[in-house]
Amino acid sequence: PSDYHLFRSMTHGLAGQHLANFEEVQNWLDEWFRSKDASFYRRGIHVLPERWQKCVASEGRYF
């Protein structure tokens, strides 16, 4: 849950991609991280307490 913001966005960027080797993966990741501005990361950090509360409230159940 704490990495949902990051990986959800990354999933959209990877749609339709085929990365044939580690170097291509590394290059894609480097570019993807560079393409995000500070507000993207700020937003993800801002919602963490709410997500943590949701995890605690679910008592370990999947939601």
PDB file of N, CA and C in Angstrom:
ATOM      1  N   PRO A   1       0.795  -1.216   0.000  1.00  0.00           N
ATOM      2  CA  PRO A   1       0.000   0.000   0.000  1.00  0.00           C
ATOM      3  C   PRO A   1       0.834   1.276   0.000  1.00  0.00           C
ATOM      4  N   SER A   2       2.004   1.264   0.634  1.00  0.00           N
ATOM      5  CA  SER A   2       2.772   2.501   0.706  1.00  0.00           C
ATOM      6  C   SER A   2       3.393   2.879  -0.635  1.00  0.00           C
ATOM      7  N   ASP A   3       3.525   1.934  -1.538  1.00  0.00           N
ATOM      8  CA  ASP A   3       4.129   2.224  -2.836  1.00  0.00           C
ATOM      9  C   ASP A   3       3.101   2.260  -3.969  1.00  0.00           C
ATOM     10  N   TYR A   4       1.835   2.282  -3.617  1.00  0.00           N
ATOM     11  CA  TYR A   4       0.757   2.249  -4.605  1.00  0.00           C
ATOM     12  C   TYR A   4       0.870   3.408  -5.590  1.00  0.00           C
ATOM     13  N   HIS A   5       1.082   4.605  -5.082  1.00  0.00           N
ATOM     14  CA  HIS A   5       1.162   5.803  -5.929  1.00  0.00           C
ATOM     15  C   HIS A   5       2.253   5.638  -6.991  1.00  0.00           C
ATOM     16  N   LEU A   6       3.386   5.183  -6.548  1.00  0.00           N
ATOM     17  CA  LEU A   6       4.535   5.023  -7.440  1.00  0.00           C
ATOM     18  C   LEU A   6       4.290   3.952  -8.491  1.00  0.00           C
ATOM     19  N   PHE A   7       3.902   2.758  -8.041  1.00  0.00           N
ATOM     20  CA  PHE A   7       3.787   1.643  -8.973  1.00  0.00           C
ATOM     21  C   PHE A   7       2.562   1.732  -9.865  1.00  0.00           C
ATOM     22  N   ARG A   8       1.510   2.367  -9.398  1.00  0.00           N
ATOM     23  CA  ARG A   8       0.339   2.538 -10.261  1.00  0.00           C
ATOM     24  C   ARG A   8       0.714   3.395 -11.472  1.00  0.00           C
ATOM     25  N   SER A   9       1.393   4.480 -11.208  1.00  0.00           N
ATOM     26  CA  SER A   9       1.828   5.358 -12.293  1.00  0.00           C
ATOM     27  C   SER A   9       2.823   4.651 -13.209  1.00  0.00           C
ATOM     28  N   MET A  10       3.720   3.887 -12.615  1.00  0.00           N
ATOM     29  CA  MET A  10       4.722   3.165 -13.396  1.00  0.00           C
ATOM     30  C   MET A  10       4.060   2.130 -14.307  1.00  0.00           C
ATOM     31  N   THR A  11       3.027   1.477 -13.815  1.00  0.00           N
ATOM     32  CA  THR A  11       2.301   0.477 -14.601  1.00  0.00           C
ATOM     33  C   THR A  11       1.730   1.095 -15.868  1.00  0.00           C
ATOM     34  N   HIS A  12       1.181   2.303 -15.738  1.00  0.00           N
ATOM     35  CA  HIS A  12       0.630   2.976 -16.921  1.00  0.00           C
ATOM     36  C   HIS A  12       1.726   3.270 -17.943  1.00  0.00           C
ATOM     37  N   GLY A  13       2.878   3.673 -17.473  1.00  0.00           N
ATOM     38  CA  GLY A  13       3.988   3.965 -18.374  1.00  0.00           C
ATOM     39  C   GLY A  13       4.552   2.730 -19.060  1.00  0.00           C
ATOM     40  N   LEU A  14       4.426   1.593 -18.402  1.00  0.00           N
ATOM     41  CA  LEU A  14       4.964   0.347 -18.963  1.00  0.00           C
ATOM     42  C   LEU A  14       4.012  -0.344 -19.932  1.00  0.00           C
ATOM     43  N   ALA A  15       2.778   0.091 -19.970  1.00  0.00           N
ATOM     44  CA  ALA A  15       1.781  -0.560 -20.832  1.00  0.00           C
ATOM     45  C   ALA A  15       2.292  -0.633 -22.269  1.00  0.00           C
ATOM     46  N   GLY A  16       2.314  -1.818 -22.807  1.00  0.00           N
ATOM     47  CA  GLY A  16       2.723  -2.026 -24.188  1.00  0.00           C
ATOM     48  C   GLY A  16       4.228  -2.058 -24.415  1.00  0.00           C
ATOM     49  N   GLN A  17       5.005  -1.867 -23.370  1.00  0.00           N
ATOM     50  CA  GLN A  17       6.463  -1.877 -23.496  1.00  0.00           C
ATOM     51  C   GLN A  17       6.985  -3.312 -23.489  1.00  0.00           C
ATOM     52  N   HIS A  18       8.072  -3.528 -24.188  1.00  0.00           N
ATOM     53  CA  HIS A  18       8.791  -4.805 -24.105  1.00  0.00           C
ATOM     54  C   HIS A  18      10.259  -4.464 -23.882  1.00  0.00           C
ATOM     55  N   LEU A  19      10.729  -4.774 -22.699  1.00  0.00           N
ATOM     56  CA  LEU A  19      12.113  -4.483 -22.346  1.00  0.00           C
ATOM     57  C   LEU A  19      12.875  -5.802 -22.369  1.00  0.00           C
ATOM     58  N   ALA A  20      13.812  -5.905 -23.275  1.00  0.00           N
ATOM     59  CA  ALA A  20      14.443  -7.188 -23.582  1.00  0.00           C
ATOM     60  C   ALA A  20      15.553  -7.596 -22.629  1.00  0.00           C
ATOM     61  N   ASN A  21      16.125  -6.635 -21.903  1.00  0.00           N
ATOM     62  CA  ASN A  21      17.235  -6.999 -21.027  1.00  0.00           C
ATOM     63  C   ASN A  21      17.333  -6.011 -19.871  1.00  0.00           C
ATOM     64  N   PHE A  22      18.233  -6.310 -18.956  1.00  0.00           N
ATOM     65  CA  PHE A  22      18.381  -5.488 -17.756  1.00  0.00           C
ATOM     66  C   PHE A  22      18.728  -4.048 -18.100  1.00  0.00           C
ATOM     67  N   GLU A  23      19.578  -3.853 -19.074  1.00  0.00           N
ATOM     68  CA  GLU A  23      19.978  -2.496 -19.456  1.00  0.00           C
ATOM     69  C   GLU A  23      18.776  -1.678 -19.922  1.00  0.00           C
ATOM     70  N   GLU A  24      17.901  -2.270 -20.708  1.00  0.00           N
ATOM     71  CA  GLU A  24      16.695  -1.568 -21.153  1.00  0.00           C
ATOM     72  C   GLU A  24      15.789  -1.239 -19.970  1.00  0.00           C
ATOM     73  N   VAL A  25      15.681  -2.169 -19.043  1.00  0.00           N
ATOM     74  CA  VAL A  25      14.873  -1.920 -17.840  1.00  0.00           C
ATOM     75  C   VAL A  25      15.471  -0.758 -17.055  1.00  0.00           C
ATOM     76  N   GLN A  26      16.770  -0.800 -16.836  1.00  0.00           N
ATOM     77  CA  GLN A  26      17.451   0.253 -16.085  1.00  0.00           C
ATOM     78  C   GLN A  26      17.290   1.609 -16.765  1.00  0.00           C
ATOM     79  N   ASN A  27      17.461   1.658 -18.076  1.00  0.00           N
ATOM     80  CA  ASN A  27      17.305   2.913 -18.816  1.00  0.00           C
ATOM     81  C   ASN A  27      15.881   3.433 -18.728  1.00  0.00           C
ATOM     82  N   TRP A  28      14.912   2.522 -18.858  1.00  0.00           N
ATOM     83  CA  TRP A  28      13.511   2.935 -18.775  1.00  0.00           C
ATOM     84  C   TRP A  28      13.217   3.509 -17.392  1.00  0.00           C
ATOM     85  N   LEU A  29      13.674   2.828 -16.348  1.00  0.00           N
ATOM     86  CA  LEU A  29      13.445   3.305 -14.979  1.00  0.00           C
ATOM     87  C   LEU A  29      14.118   4.651 -14.729  1.00  0.00           C
ATOM     88  N   ASP A  30      15.356   4.796 -15.161  1.00  0.00           N
ATOM     89  CA  ASP A  30      16.061   6.071 -14.986  1.00  0.00           C
ATOM     90  C   ASP A  30      15.282   7.211 -15.623  1.00  0.00           C
ATOM     91  N   GLU A  31      14.831   6.992 -16.842  1.00  0.00           N
ATOM     92  CA  GLU A  31      14.082   8.029 -17.550  1.00  0.00           C
ATOM     93  C   GLU A  31      12.742   8.293 -16.879  1.00  0.00           C
ATOM     94  N   TRP A  32      12.066   7.244 -16.455  1.00  0.00           N
ATOM     95  CA  TRP A  32      10.754   7.400 -15.811  1.00  0.00           C
ATOM     96  C   TRP A  32      10.880   8.231 -14.537  1.00  0.00           C
ATOM     97  N   PHE A  33      11.859   7.894 -13.682  1.00  0.00           N
ATOM     98  CA  PHE A  33      12.050   8.654 -12.442  1.00  0.00           C
ATOM     99  C   PHE A  33      12.418  10.103 -12.734  1.00  0.00           C
ATOM    100  N   ARG A  34      13.252  10.335 -13.732  1.00  0.00           N
ATOM    101  CA  ARG A  34      13.634  11.704 -14.102  1.00  0.00           C
ATOM    102  C   ARG A  34      12.449  12.501 -14.632  1.00  0.00           C
ATOM    103  N   SER A  35      11.499  11.825 -15.250  1.00  0.00           N
ATOM    104  CA  SER A  35      10.373  12.529 -15.870  1.00  0.00           C
ATOM    105  C   SER A  35       9.346  13.035 -14.858  1.00  0.00           C
ATOM    106  N   LYS A  36       9.421  12.570 -13.631  1.00  0.00           N
ATOM    107  CA  LYS A  36       8.453  12.974 -12.605  1.00  0.00           C
ATOM    108  C   LYS A  36       8.953  14.214 -11.886  1.00  0.00           C
ATOM    109  N   ASP A  37       8.064  15.189 -11.725  1.00  0.00           N
ATOM    110  CA  ASP A  37       8.464  16.391 -11.001  1.00  0.00           C
ATOM    111  C   ASP A  37       8.228  16.209  -9.498  1.00  0.00           C
ATOM    112  N   ALA A  38       8.676  17.177  -8.736  1.00  0.00           N
ATOM    113  CA  ALA A  38       8.607  17.084  -7.272  1.00  0.00           C
ATOM    114  C   ALA A  38       7.180  16.912  -6.771  1.00  0.00           C
ATOM    115  N   SER A  39       6.213  17.503  -7.447  1.00  0.00           N
ATOM    116  CA  SER A  39       4.822  17.401  -6.981  1.00  0.00           C
ATOM    117  C   SER A  39       4.308  15.962  -7.055  1.00  0.00           C
ATOM    118  N   PHE A  40       4.792  15.184  -7.999  1.00  0.00           N
ATOM    119  CA  PHE A  40       4.395  13.781  -8.091  1.00  0.00           C
ATOM    120  C   PHE A  40       4.794  13.041  -6.816  1.00  0.00           C
ATOM    121  N   TYR A  41       6.034  13.224  -6.396  1.00  0.00           N
ATOM    122  CA  TYR A  41       6.527  12.550  -5.193  1.00  0.00           C
ATOM    123  C   TYR A  41       5.865  13.116  -3.935  1.00  0.00           C
ATOM    124  N   ARG A  42       5.666  14.430  -3.902  1.00  0.00           N
ATOM    125  CA  ARG A  42       5.010  15.074  -2.762  1.00  0.00           C
ATOM    126  C   ARG A  42       3.608  14.519  -2.564  1.00  0.00           C
ATOM    127  N   ARG A  43       2.873  14.367  -3.655  1.00  0.00           N
ATOM    128  CA  ARG A  43       1.506  13.835  -3.600  1.00  0.00           C
ATOM    129  C   ARG A  43       1.506  12.416  -3.031  1.00  0.00           C
ATOM    130  N   GLY A  44       2.434  11.601  -3.502  1.00  0.00           N
ATOM    131  CA  GLY A  44       2.523  10.226  -3.016  1.00  0.00           C
ATOM    132  C   GLY A  44       2.825  10.155  -1.532  1.00  0.00           C
ATOM    133  N   ILE A  45       3.701  11.020  -1.063  1.00  0.00           N
ATOM    134  CA  ILE A  45       4.043  11.049   0.362  1.00  0.00           C
ATOM    135  C   ILE A  45       2.870  11.581   1.176  1.00  0.00           C
ATOM    136  N   HIS A  46       2.173  12.561   0.640  1.00  0.00           N
ATOM    137  CA  HIS A  46       1.043  13.183   1.342  1.00  0.00           C
ATOM    138  C   HIS A  46      -0.064  12.178   1.671  1.00  0.00           C
ATOM    139  N   VAL A  47      -0.308  11.210   0.812  1.00  0.00           N
ATOM    140  CA  VAL A  47      -1.403  10.251   1.038  1.00  0.00           C
ATOM    141  C   VAL A  47      -0.985   9.044   1.880  1.00  0.00           C
ATOM    142  N   LEU A  48       0.286   8.953   2.256  1.00  0.00           N
ATOM    143  CA  LEU A  48       0.742   7.790   3.029  1.00  0.00           C
ATOM    144  C   LEU A  48      -0.008   7.585   4.348  1.00  0.00           C
ATOM    145  N   PRO A  49      -0.199   8.613   5.174  1.00  0.00           N
ATOM    146  CA  PRO A  49      -0.909   8.370   6.441  1.00  0.00           C
ATOM    147  C   PRO A  49      -2.304   7.773   6.241  1.00  0.00           C
ATOM    148  N   GLU A  50      -3.016   8.243   5.240  1.00  0.00           N
ATOM    149  CA  GLU A  50      -4.350   7.703   4.947  1.00  0.00           C
ATOM    150  C   GLU A  50      -4.253   6.229   4.541  1.00  0.00           C
ATOM    151  N   ARG A  51      -3.291   5.899   3.735  1.00  0.00           N
ATOM    152  CA  ARG A  51      -3.110   4.503   3.313  1.00  0.00           C
ATOM    153  C   ARG A  51      -2.698   3.619   4.491  1.00  0.00           C
ATOM    154  N   TRP A  52      -1.841   4.141   5.350  1.00  0.00           N
ATOM    155  CA  TRP A  52      -1.436   3.368   6.531  1.00  0.00           C
ATOM    156  C   TRP A  52      -2.636   3.094   7.424  1.00  0.00           C
ATOM    157  N   GLN A  53      -3.478   4.106   7.613  1.00  0.00           N
ATOM    158  CA  GLN A  53      -4.683   3.924   8.431  1.00  0.00           C
ATOM    159  C   GLN A  53      -5.577   2.846   7.829  1.00  0.00           C
ATOM    160  N   LYS A  54      -5.695   2.849   6.530  1.00  0.00           N
ATOM    161  CA  LYS A  54      -6.510   1.845   5.846  1.00  0.00           C
ATOM    162  C   LYS A  54      -5.959   0.442   6.106  1.00  0.00           C
ATOM    163  N   CYS A  55      -4.641   0.303   6.077  1.00  0.00           N
ATOM    164  CA  CYS A  55      -4.012  -0.998   6.350  1.00  0.00           C
ATOM    165  C   CYS A  55      -4.300  -1.447   7.777  1.00  0.00           C
ATOM    166  N   VAL A  56      -4.159  -0.538   8.717  1.00  0.00           N
ATOM    167  CA  VAL A  56      -4.407  -0.870  10.121  1.00  0.00           C
ATOM    168  C   VAL A  56      -5.868  -1.244  10.315  1.00  0.00           C
ATOM    169  N   ALA A  57      -6.766  -0.462   9.735  1.00  0.00           N
ATOM    170  CA  ALA A  57      -8.203  -0.712   9.883  1.00  0.00           C
ATOM    171  C   ALA A  57      -8.621  -2.042   9.265  1.00  0.00           C
ATOM    172  N   SER A  58      -7.923  -2.489   8.238  1.00  0.00           N
ATOM    173  CA  SER A  58      -8.300  -3.742   7.574  1.00  0.00           C
ATOM    174  C   SER A  58      -7.823  -4.970   8.345  1.00  0.00           C
ATOM    175  N   GLU A  59      -6.993  -4.746   9.374  1.00  0.00           N
ATOM    176  CA  GLU A  59      -6.468  -5.832  10.207  1.00  0.00           C
ATOM    177  C   GLU A  59      -5.833  -6.944   9.371  1.00  0.00           C
ATOM    178  N   GLY A  60      -5.100  -6.536   8.355  1.00  0.00           N
ATOM    179  CA  GLY A  60      -4.372  -7.499   7.541  1.00  0.00           C
ATOM    180  C   GLY A  60      -5.153  -8.100   6.387  1.00  0.00           C
ATOM    181  N   ARG A  61      -6.423  -7.783   6.296  1.00  0.00           N
ATOM    182  CA  ARG A  61      -7.219  -8.310   5.178  1.00  0.00           C
ATOM    183  C   ARG A  61      -6.910  -7.515   3.912  1.00  0.00           C
ATOM    184  N   TYR A  62      -7.044  -8.174   2.784  1.00  0.00           N
ATOM    185  CA  TYR A  62      -6.834  -7.513   1.496  1.00  0.00           C
ATOM    186  C   TYR A  62      -7.993  -6.560   1.232  1.00  0.00           C
ATOM    187  N   PHE A  63      -7.709  -5.401   0.702  1.00  0.00           N
ATOM    188  CA  PHE A  63      -8.781  -4.457   0.348  1.00  0.00           C
ATOM    189  C   PHE A  63      -8.544  -3.881  -1.017  1.00  0.00           C
TER     190      PHE A  63
END
